[in-house]
Amino acid sequence: MERGAKLYGTGDTTVRALDGIDVAFERGQFTAIMGPSGSGKSTLLHCIAGLDSLTSGQVFVGDTELNTLSDKDLTLLRREKVGFVFQAFNLIPTLTARENILLPLLIAGDDHDSAWFDQVVGILGLSDRLSHRPSELSGGQQQRVAAARALVARPEIIFADEPSGNLDSKASAELLSFLARAVKEFGQTIVMVTHDPGAASYSDHVVFLEDGKIAGELNAPTAESVIDRMKQFGG
């Protein structure tokens, strides 16, 4: 991403949600984006994921510059190279867990790698839940289905927006541990927005935002080091 800005409104009512952002997210790394409410975290995530467009600047996923793509090509890129895990699980209630996990591949017309599917659902503890519909699953299980859906297509990058926000502490730890494991063992790349220092401690690297600008970065974070840094930024 090169010197990105995102503006809303015009004239005196203009809001600079992102203001001269210049940041890179390394392949094979788990990066957390943190900052006070209104700092631009979700706006940044949506712009780098191709869900929203910058007012100025460039966004790259690998070597592909997103703002040069047609709507059709952008949709294809999101389908083929990007995975999403949101706070709302976004599961289809009439489909089983297996069908929800495989849905992106079915839409794309791709066959799934059954060995990889079995590995992902096994690690996530979903093997005996695949025939269940979302209403028959706990919140933690639903979010693990959403994580499996993102991973089973082997995307180049996964974007997660407060993925543990609706989970209790045990389910949250299970999900975040798996995301961290996916990075370390499978070489997955994950960028996660979170307000929770404990969640950020599972990441390799934290990027802090304040008022739409990069306010600092932190390697090998712990919950304590994140809290200390957030205090400096008024978070």
C-alpha atoms as a PDB file:
ATOM      1  CA  MET A   1       0.000   0.000   0.000  1.00  0.00           C
ATOM      2  CA  GLU A   2       1.475   3.348  -0.998  1.00  0.00           C
ATOM      3  CA  ARG A   3       0.559   6.607   0.777  1.00  0.00           C
ATOM      4  CA  GLY A   4      -3.128   5.822   1.002  1.00  0.00           C
ATOM      5  CA  ALA A   5      -5.820   8.311   1.949  1.00  0.00           C
ATOM      6  CA  LYS A   6      -9.519   7.748   2.471  1.00  0.00           C
ATOM      7  CA  LEU A   7     -11.799  10.774   2.742  1.00  0.00           C
ATOM      8  CA  TYR A   8     -15.495  10.974   3.515  1.00  0.00           C
ATOM      9  CA  GLY A   9     -17.567  14.088   2.860  1.00  0.00           C
ATOM     10  CA  THR A  10     -16.527  17.361   1.254  1.00  0.00           C
ATOM     11  CA  GLY A  11     -15.445  20.829   2.275  1.00  0.00           C
ATOM     12  CA  ASP A  12     -15.675  21.615   5.976  1.00  0.00           C
ATOM     13  CA  THR A  13     -17.316  18.258   6.685  1.00  0.00           C
ATOM     14  CA  THR A  14     -14.469  16.186   5.204  1.00  0.00           C
ATOM     15  CA  VAL A  15     -13.294  13.348   7.439  1.00  0.00           C
ATOM     16  CA  ARG A  16      -9.851  11.867   6.756  1.00  0.00           C
ATOM     17  CA  ALA A  17     -10.415   8.250   7.806  1.00  0.00           C
ATOM     18  CA  LEU A  18      -6.957   7.351   6.453  1.00  0.00           C
ATOM     19  CA  ASP A  19      -4.350  10.075   6.168  1.00  0.00           C
ATOM     20  CA  GLY A  20      -1.128   9.306   4.282  1.00  0.00           C
ATOM     21  CA  ILE A  21      -0.896   5.635   5.272  1.00  0.00           C
ATOM     22  CA  ASP A  22       2.197   3.793   4.033  1.00  0.00           C
ATOM     23  CA  VAL A  23       2.400   0.236   5.304  1.00  0.00           C
ATOM     24  CA  ALA A  24       3.312  -3.261   4.113  1.00  0.00           C
ATOM     25  CA  PHE A  25       2.074  -6.583   5.488  1.00  0.00           C
ATOM     26  CA  GLU A  26       4.653  -9.334   5.118  1.00  0.00           C
ATOM     27  CA  ARG A  27       3.856 -12.647   3.501  1.00  0.00           C
ATOM     28  CA  GLY A  28       3.793 -15.523   5.991  1.00  0.00           C
ATOM     29  CA  GLN A  29       3.227 -13.223   8.976  1.00  0.00           C
ATOM     30  CA  PHE A  30       0.344 -12.643  11.393  1.00  0.00           C
ATOM     31  CA  THR A  31      -0.160  -8.876  11.711  1.00  0.00           C
ATOM     32  CA  ALA A  32      -2.604  -7.169  14.065  1.00  0.00           C
ATOM     33  CA  ILE A  33      -3.958  -3.660  13.408  1.00  0.00           C
ATOM     34  CA  MET A  34      -4.815  -1.763  16.586  1.00  0.00           C
ATOM     35  CA  GLY A  35      -5.818   1.718  17.632  1.00  0.00           C
ATOM     36  CA  PRO A  36      -8.468   3.750  19.461  1.00  0.00           C
ATOM     37  CA  SER A  37     -12.070   3.734  18.278  1.00  0.00           C
ATOM     38  CA  GLY A  38     -12.307   5.812  15.118  1.00  0.00           C
ATOM     39  CA  SER A  39      -8.601   5.491  14.316  1.00  0.00           C
ATOM     40  CA  GLY A  40      -9.266   3.953  10.890  1.00  0.00           C
ATOM     41  CA  LYS A  41      -8.619   0.266  11.640  1.00  0.00           C
ATOM     42  CA  SER A  42     -11.595  -1.208   9.809  1.00  0.00           C
ATOM     43  CA  THR A  43     -11.351   1.361   7.002  1.00  0.00           C
ATOM     44  CA  LEU A  44      -7.739   0.299   6.421  1.00  0.00           C
ATOM     45  CA  LEU A  45      -8.688  -3.377   6.436  1.00  0.00           C
ATOM     46  CA  HIS A  46     -11.558  -2.825   3.998  1.00  0.00           C
ATOM     47  CA  CYS A  47      -9.336  -0.833   1.614  1.00  0.00           C
ATOM     48  CA  ILE A  48      -6.468  -3.328   1.563  1.00  0.00           C
ATOM     49  CA  ALA A  49      -8.960  -6.192   1.142  1.00  0.00           C
ATOM     50  CA  GLY A  50     -10.607  -4.540  -1.861  1.00  0.00           C
ATOM     51  CA  LEU A  51     -13.949  -4.120  -0.088  1.00  0.00           C
ATOM     52  CA  ASP A  52     -13.602  -0.327  -0.283  1.00  0.00           C
ATOM     53  CA  SER A  53     -11.450   1.957  -2.416  1.00  0.00           C
ATOM     54  CA  LEU A  54      -8.948   4.635  -1.418  1.00  0.00           C
ATOM     55  CA  THR A  55      -9.550   8.273  -2.291  1.00  0.00           C
ATOM     56  CA  SER A  56      -5.882   8.419  -3.287  1.00  0.00           C
ATOM     57  CA  GLY A  57      -2.915   6.055  -3.189  1.00  0.00           C
ATOM     58  CA  GLN A  58      -2.339   2.452  -4.205  1.00  0.00           C
ATOM     59  CA  VAL A  59      -3.066  -0.959  -2.720  1.00  0.00           C
ATOM     60  CA  PHE A  60      -1.279  -4.134  -3.805  1.00  0.00           C
ATOM     61  CA  VAL A  61      -2.096  -7.759  -3.034  1.00  0.00           C
ATOM     62  CA  GLY A  62       1.123  -9.424  -4.086  1.00  0.00           C
ATOM     63  CA  ASP A  63       1.993  -7.823  -7.419  1.00  0.00           C
ATOM     64  CA  THR A  64      -1.608  -6.885  -8.244  1.00  0.00           C
ATOM     65  CA  GLU A  65      -2.616  -3.244  -7.862  1.00  0.00           C
ATOM     66  CA  LEU A  66      -6.249  -3.265  -6.767  1.00  0.00           C
ATOM     67  CA  ASN A  67      -7.265   0.142  -8.095  1.00  0.00           C
ATOM     68  CA  THR A  68      -6.398  -0.911 -11.661  1.00  0.00           C
ATOM     69  CA  LEU A  69      -8.888  -3.793 -11.593  1.00  0.00           C
ATOM     70  CA  SER A  70     -12.398  -3.799 -13.003  1.00  0.00           C
ATOM     71  CA  ASP A  71     -15.228  -4.724 -10.640  1.00  0.00           C
ATOM     72  CA  LYS A  72     -15.291  -8.183 -12.185  1.00  0.00           C
ATOM     73  CA  ASP A  73     -11.538  -8.720 -11.764  1.00  0.00           C
ATOM     74  CA  LEU A  74     -11.688  -7.362  -8.204  1.00  0.00           C
ATOM     75  CA  THR A  75     -14.432  -9.863  -7.395  1.00  0.00           C
ATOM     76  CA  LEU A  76     -12.300 -12.651  -8.875  1.00  0.00           C
ATOM     77  CA  LEU A  77      -9.260 -11.577  -6.854  1.00  0.00           C
ATOM     78  CA  ARG A  78     -11.267 -11.552  -3.616  1.00  0.00           C
ATOM     79  CA  ARG A  79     -12.675 -14.976  -4.475  1.00  0.00           C
ATOM     80  CA  GLU A  80      -9.386 -16.589  -5.511  1.00  0.00           C
ATOM     81  CA  LYS A  81      -6.677 -14.910  -3.419  1.00  0.00           C
ATOM     82  CA  VAL A  82      -8.355 -13.497  -0.313  1.00  0.00           C
ATOM     83  CA  GLY A  83     -10.076 -15.053   2.694  1.00  0.00           C
ATOM     84  CA  PHE A  84     -12.251 -13.247   5.239  1.00  0.00           C
ATOM     85  CA  VAL A  85     -13.147 -13.895   8.871  1.00  0.00           C
ATOM     86  CA  PHE A  86     -15.507 -11.297  10.342  1.00  0.00           C
ATOM     87  CA  GLN A  87     -16.911 -10.746  13.827  1.00  0.00           C
ATOM     88  CA  ALA A  88     -20.311 -11.725  12.449  1.00  0.00           C
ATOM     89  CA  PHE A  89     -19.846 -15.300  11.304  1.00  0.00           C
ATOM     90  CA  ASN A  90     -21.635 -14.744   7.956  1.00  0.00           C
ATOM     91  CA  LEU A  91     -22.669 -18.377   7.676  1.00  0.00           C
ATOM     92  CA  ILE A  92     -25.639 -19.406   5.575  1.00  0.00           C
ATOM     93  CA  PRO A  93     -28.191 -20.864   8.038  1.00  0.00           C
ATOM     94  CA  THR A  94     -29.675 -23.423   5.644  1.00  0.00           C
ATOM     95  CA  LEU A  95     -26.311 -25.003   4.832  1.00  0.00           C
ATOM     96  CA  THR A  96     -24.376 -27.509   6.929  1.00  0.00           C
ATOM     97  CA  ALA A  97     -20.953 -26.691   8.330  1.00  0.00           C
ATOM     98  CA  ARG A  98     -19.329 -28.692   5.507  1.00  0.00           C
ATOM     99  CA  GLU A  99     -21.324 -26.815   2.866  1.00  0.00           C
ATOM    100  CA  ASN A 100     -20.517 -23.448   4.437  1.00  0.00           C
ATOM    101  CA  ILE A 101     -16.801 -24.278   4.522  1.00  0.00           C
ATOM    102  CA  LEU A 102     -16.766 -25.381   0.892  1.00  0.00           C
ATOM    103  CA  LEU A 103     -19.057 -22.631  -0.420  1.00  0.00           C
ATOM    104  CA  PRO A 104     -16.327 -20.319  -1.833  1.00  0.00           C
ATOM    105  CA  LEU A 105     -14.810 -23.243  -3.739  1.00  0.00           C
ATOM    106  CA  LEU A 106     -18.216 -24.329  -5.043  1.00  0.00           C
ATOM    107  CA  ILE A 107     -18.951 -20.787  -6.240  1.00  0.00           C
ATOM    108  CA  ALA A 108     -15.567 -20.663  -7.981  1.00  0.00           C
ATOM    109  CA  GLY A 109     -16.138 -24.090  -9.527  1.00  0.00           C
ATOM    110  CA  ASP A 110     -12.987 -25.470  -7.892  1.00  0.00           C
ATOM    111  CA  ASP A 111     -12.512 -28.946  -6.521  1.00  0.00           C
ATOM    112  CA  HIS A 112     -11.359 -29.084  -2.918  1.00  0.00           C
ATOM    113  CA  ASP A 113      -8.264 -30.857  -1.689  1.00  0.00           C
ATOM    114  CA  SER A 114      -9.878 -33.458   0.570  1.00  0.00           C
ATOM    115  CA  ALA A 115      -6.667 -34.097   2.556  1.00  0.00           C
ATOM    116  CA  TRP A 116      -6.257 -30.359   3.248  1.00  0.00           C
ATOM    117  CA  PHE A 117      -9.967 -30.053   4.122  1.00  0.00           C
ATOM    118  CA  ASP A 118      -9.664 -32.947   6.589  1.00  0.00           C
ATOM    119  CA  GLN A 119      -6.558 -31.384   8.131  1.00  0.00           C
ATOM    120  CA  VAL A 120      -8.162 -27.971   8.589  1.00  0.00           C
ATOM    121  CA  VAL A 121     -11.429 -29.263  10.084  1.00  0.00           C
ATOM    122  CA  GLY A 122      -9.501 -31.731  12.242  1.00  0.00           C
ATOM    123  CA  ILE A 123      -7.244 -29.061  13.718  1.00  0.00           C
ATOM    124  CA  LEU A 124     -10.259 -26.838  14.309  1.00  0.00           C
ATOM    125  CA  GLY A 125     -12.135 -29.648  16.053  1.00  0.00           C
ATOM    126  CA  LEU A 126     -15.005 -29.650  13.566  1.00  0.00           C
ATOM    127  CA  SER A 127     -14.809 -33.181  12.194  1.00  0.00           C
ATOM    128  CA  ASP A 128     -17.885 -34.334  14.151  1.00  0.00           C
ATOM    129  CA  ARG A 129     -19.831 -31.127  13.430  1.00  0.00           C
ATOM    130  CA  LEU A 130     -19.786 -31.083   9.628  1.00  0.00           C
ATOM    131  CA  SER A 131     -23.409 -32.175   9.208  1.00  0.00           C
ATOM    132  CA  HIS A 132     -24.688 -29.553  11.684  1.00  0.00           C
ATOM    133  CA  ARG A 133     -26.304 -26.302  10.599  1.00  0.00           C
ATOM    134  CA  PRO A 134     -25.124 -23.028  12.203  1.00  0.00           C
ATOM    135  CA  SER A 135     -28.091 -22.954  14.623  1.00  0.00           C
ATOM    136  CA  GLU A 136     -26.871 -26.279  16.021  1.00  0.00           C
ATOM    137  CA  LEU A 137     -23.377 -24.946  16.717  1.00  0.00           C
ATOM    138  CA  SER A 138     -22.007 -22.781  19.520  1.00  0.00           C
ATOM    139  CA  GLY A 139     -20.635 -19.334  18.736  1.00  0.00           C
ATOM    140  CA  GLY A 140     -17.088 -20.649  18.961  1.00  0.00           C
ATOM    141  CA  GLN A 141     -17.875 -23.509  16.601  1.00  0.00           C
ATOM    142  CA  GLN A 142     -19.536 -21.131  14.127  1.00  0.00           C
ATOM    143  CA  GLN A 143     -16.462 -18.893  14.106  1.00  0.00           C
ATOM    144  CA  ARG A 144     -14.218 -21.922  13.595  1.00  0.00           C
ATOM    145  CA  VAL A 145     -16.402 -22.868  10.595  1.00  0.00           C
ATOM    146  CA  ALA A 146     -15.852 -19.326   9.270  1.00  0.00           C
ATOM    147  CA  ALA A 147     -12.093 -19.696   9.795  1.00  0.00           C
ATOM    148  CA  ALA A 148     -12.099 -23.072   8.040  1.00  0.00           C
ATOM    149  CA  ARG A 149     -14.017 -21.530   5.120  1.00  0.00           C
ATOM    150  CA  ALA A 150     -11.293 -18.879   4.809  1.00  0.00           C
ATOM    151  CA  LEU A 151      -8.426 -21.373   5.040  1.00  0.00           C
ATOM    152  CA  VAL A 152      -9.661 -24.268   2.944  1.00  0.00           C
ATOM    153  CA  ALA A 153      -9.313 -22.289  -0.284  1.00  0.00           C
ATOM    154  CA  ARG A 154      -5.630 -21.584   0.525  1.00  0.00           C
ATOM    155  CA  PRO A 155      -5.861 -17.832  -0.120  1.00  0.00           C
ATOM    156  CA  GLU A 156      -2.773 -15.667  -0.435  1.00  0.00           C
ATOM    157  CA  ILE A 157      -3.981 -13.567   2.496  1.00  0.00           C
ATOM    158  CA  ILE A 158      -6.713 -13.730   5.131  1.00  0.00           C
ATOM    159  CA  PHE A 159      -8.287 -10.576   6.546  1.00  0.00           C
ATOM    160  CA  ALA A 160      -9.896 -10.902   9.970  1.00  0.00           C
ATOM    161  CA  ASP A 161     -12.011  -8.104  11.486  1.00  0.00           C
ATOM    162  CA  GLU A 162     -12.432  -8.605  15.256  1.00  0.00           C
ATOM    163  CA  PRO A 163     -12.729 -12.377  14.678  1.00  0.00           C
ATOM    164  CA  SER A 164     -12.887 -13.179  18.401  1.00  0.00           C
ATOM    165  CA  GLY A 165     -15.153 -10.260  19.301  1.00  0.00           C
ATOM    166  CA  ASN A 166     -18.263 -12.381  19.869  1.00  0.00           C
ATOM    167  CA  LEU A 167     -16.506 -15.305  21.558  1.00  0.00           C
ATOM    168  CA  ASP A 168     -15.883 -16.204  25.193  1.00  0.00           C
ATOM    169  CA  SER A 169     -12.284 -16.354  26.378  1.00  0.00           C
ATOM    170  CA  LYS A 170     -11.872 -20.111  25.783  1.00  0.00           C
ATOM    171  CA  ALA A 171     -13.302 -20.043  22.249  1.00  0.00           C
ATOM    172  CA  SER A 172     -11.321 -16.894  21.491  1.00  0.00           C
ATOM    173  CA  ALA A 173      -8.051 -18.513  22.577  1.00  0.00           C
ATOM    174  CA  GLU A 174      -8.792 -21.610  20.474  1.00  0.00           C
ATOM    175  CA  LEU A 175      -9.508 -19.555  17.355  1.00  0.00           C
ATOM    176  CA  LEU A 176      -6.510 -17.232  17.744  1.00  0.00           C
ATOM    177  CA  SER A 177      -4.195 -20.163  18.480  1.00  0.00           C
ATOM    178  CA  PHE A 178      -5.312 -21.788  15.259  1.00  0.00           C
ATOM    179  CA  LEU A 179      -4.778 -18.610  13.236  1.00  0.00           C
ATOM    180  CA  ALA A 180      -1.275 -18.323  14.673  1.00  0.00           C
ATOM    181  CA  ARG A 181      -0.653 -22.001  13.886  1.00  0.00           C
ATOM    182  CA  ALA A 182      -1.870 -21.502  10.306  1.00  0.00           C
ATOM    183  CA  VAL A 183       0.796 -18.827   9.878  1.00  0.00           C
ATOM    184  CA  LYS A 184       3.634 -20.794  11.473  1.00  0.00           C
ATOM    185  CA  GLU A 185       2.875 -24.242  10.061  1.00  0.00           C
ATOM    186  CA  PHE A 186       1.146 -23.518   6.748  1.00  0.00           C
ATOM    187  CA  GLY A 187       2.777 -20.211   5.788  1.00  0.00           C
ATOM    188  CA  GLN A 188      -0.570 -18.405   5.792  1.00  0.00           C
ATOM    189  CA  THR A 189      -0.603 -14.590   5.777  1.00  0.00           C
ATOM    190  CA  ILE A 190      -3.130 -12.987   8.141  1.00  0.00           C
ATOM    191  CA  VAL A 191      -4.016  -9.354   8.833  1.00  0.00           C
ATOM    192  CA  MET A 192      -6.356  -8.888  11.796  1.00  0.00           C
ATOM    193  CA  VAL A 193      -8.096  -5.844  13.218  1.00  0.00           C
ATOM    194  CA  THR A 194      -8.589  -6.088  16.972  1.00  0.00           C
ATOM    195  CA  HIS A 195      -9.072  -3.831  19.987  1.00  0.00           C
ATOM    196  CA  ASP A 196      -8.008  -6.616  22.382  1.00  0.00           C
ATOM    197  CA  PRO A 197      -4.352  -6.659  23.562  1.00  0.00           C
ATOM    198  CA  GLY A 198      -4.748 -10.344  24.425  1.00  0.00           C
ATOM    199  CA  ALA A 199      -5.813 -11.138  20.850  1.00  0.00           C
ATOM    200  CA  ALA A 200      -2.953  -9.030  19.464  1.00  0.00           C
ATOM    201  CA  SER A 201      -0.468 -11.058  21.527  1.00  0.00           C
ATOM    202  CA  TYR A 202      -1.072 -14.038  19.218  1.00  0.00           C
ATOM    203  CA  SER A 203       0.289 -12.043  16.276  1.00  0.00           C
ATOM    204  CA  ASP A 204       3.881 -11.615  15.105  1.00  0.00           C
ATOM    205  CA  HIS A 205       3.631  -7.877  14.554  1.00  0.00           C
ATOM    206  CA  VAL A 206       1.292  -5.046  15.548  1.00  0.00           C
ATOM    207  CA  VAL A 207       0.606  -1.884  13.548  1.00  0.00           C
ATOM    208  CA  PHE A 208      -0.941   0.944  15.591  1.00  0.00           C
ATOM    209  CA  LEU A 209      -3.206   3.573  14.044  1.00  0.00           C
ATOM    210  CA  GLU A 210      -4.257   6.922  15.461  1.00  0.00           C
ATOM    211  CA  ASP A 211      -6.307   9.555  13.630  1.00  0.00           C
ATOM    212  CA  GLY A 212      -5.899   7.696  10.335  1.00  0.00           C
ATOM    213  CA  LYS A 213      -2.095   7.615  10.542  1.00  0.00           C
ATOM    214  CA  ILE A 214       0.454   4.958  11.466  1.00  0.00           C
ATOM    215  CA  ALA A 215       1.323   5.692  15.097  1.00  0.00           C
ATOM    216  CA  GLY A 216       3.870   2.931  15.675  1.00  0.00           C
ATOM    217  CA  GLU A 217       4.677  -0.741  15.237  1.00  0.00           C
ATOM    218  CA  LEU A 218       5.642  -3.548  17.596  1.00  0.00           C
ATOM    219  CA  ASN A 219       7.304  -6.915  16.978  1.00  0.00           C
ATOM    220  CA  ALA A 220       6.733 -10.058  19.072  1.00  0.00           C
ATOM    221  CA  PRO A 221       3.941  -8.424  21.082  1.00  0.00           C
ATOM    222  CA  THR A 222       2.704  -9.471  24.498  1.00  0.00           C
ATOM    223  CA  ALA A 223      -0.580  -8.266  25.986  1.00  0.00           C
ATOM    224  CA  GLU A 224       1.432  -6.115  28.410  1.00  0.00           C
ATOM    225  CA  SER A 225       3.636  -4.511  25.748  1.00  0.00           C
ATOM    226  CA  VAL A 226       0.560  -3.759  23.617  1.00  0.00           C
ATOM    227  CA  ILE A 227      -1.217  -2.119  26.563  1.00  0.00           C
ATOM    228  CA  ASP A 228       1.880  -0.010  27.320  1.00  0.00           C
ATOM    229  CA  ARG A 229       2.097   1.135  23.704  1.00  0.00           C
ATOM    230  CA  MET A 230      -1.638   1.861  23.491  1.00  0.00           C
ATOM    231  CA  LYS A 231      -1.341   4.148  26.526  1.00  0.00           C
ATOM    232  CA  GLN A 232       1.169   6.268  24.595  1.00  0.00           C
ATOM    233  CA  PHE A 233      -1.318   6.741  21.770  1.00  0.00           C
ATOM    234  CA  GLY A 234      -4.217   7.721  23.990  1.00  0.00           C
ATOM    235  CA  GLY A 235      -5.932   4.390  23.361  1.00  0.00           C
END
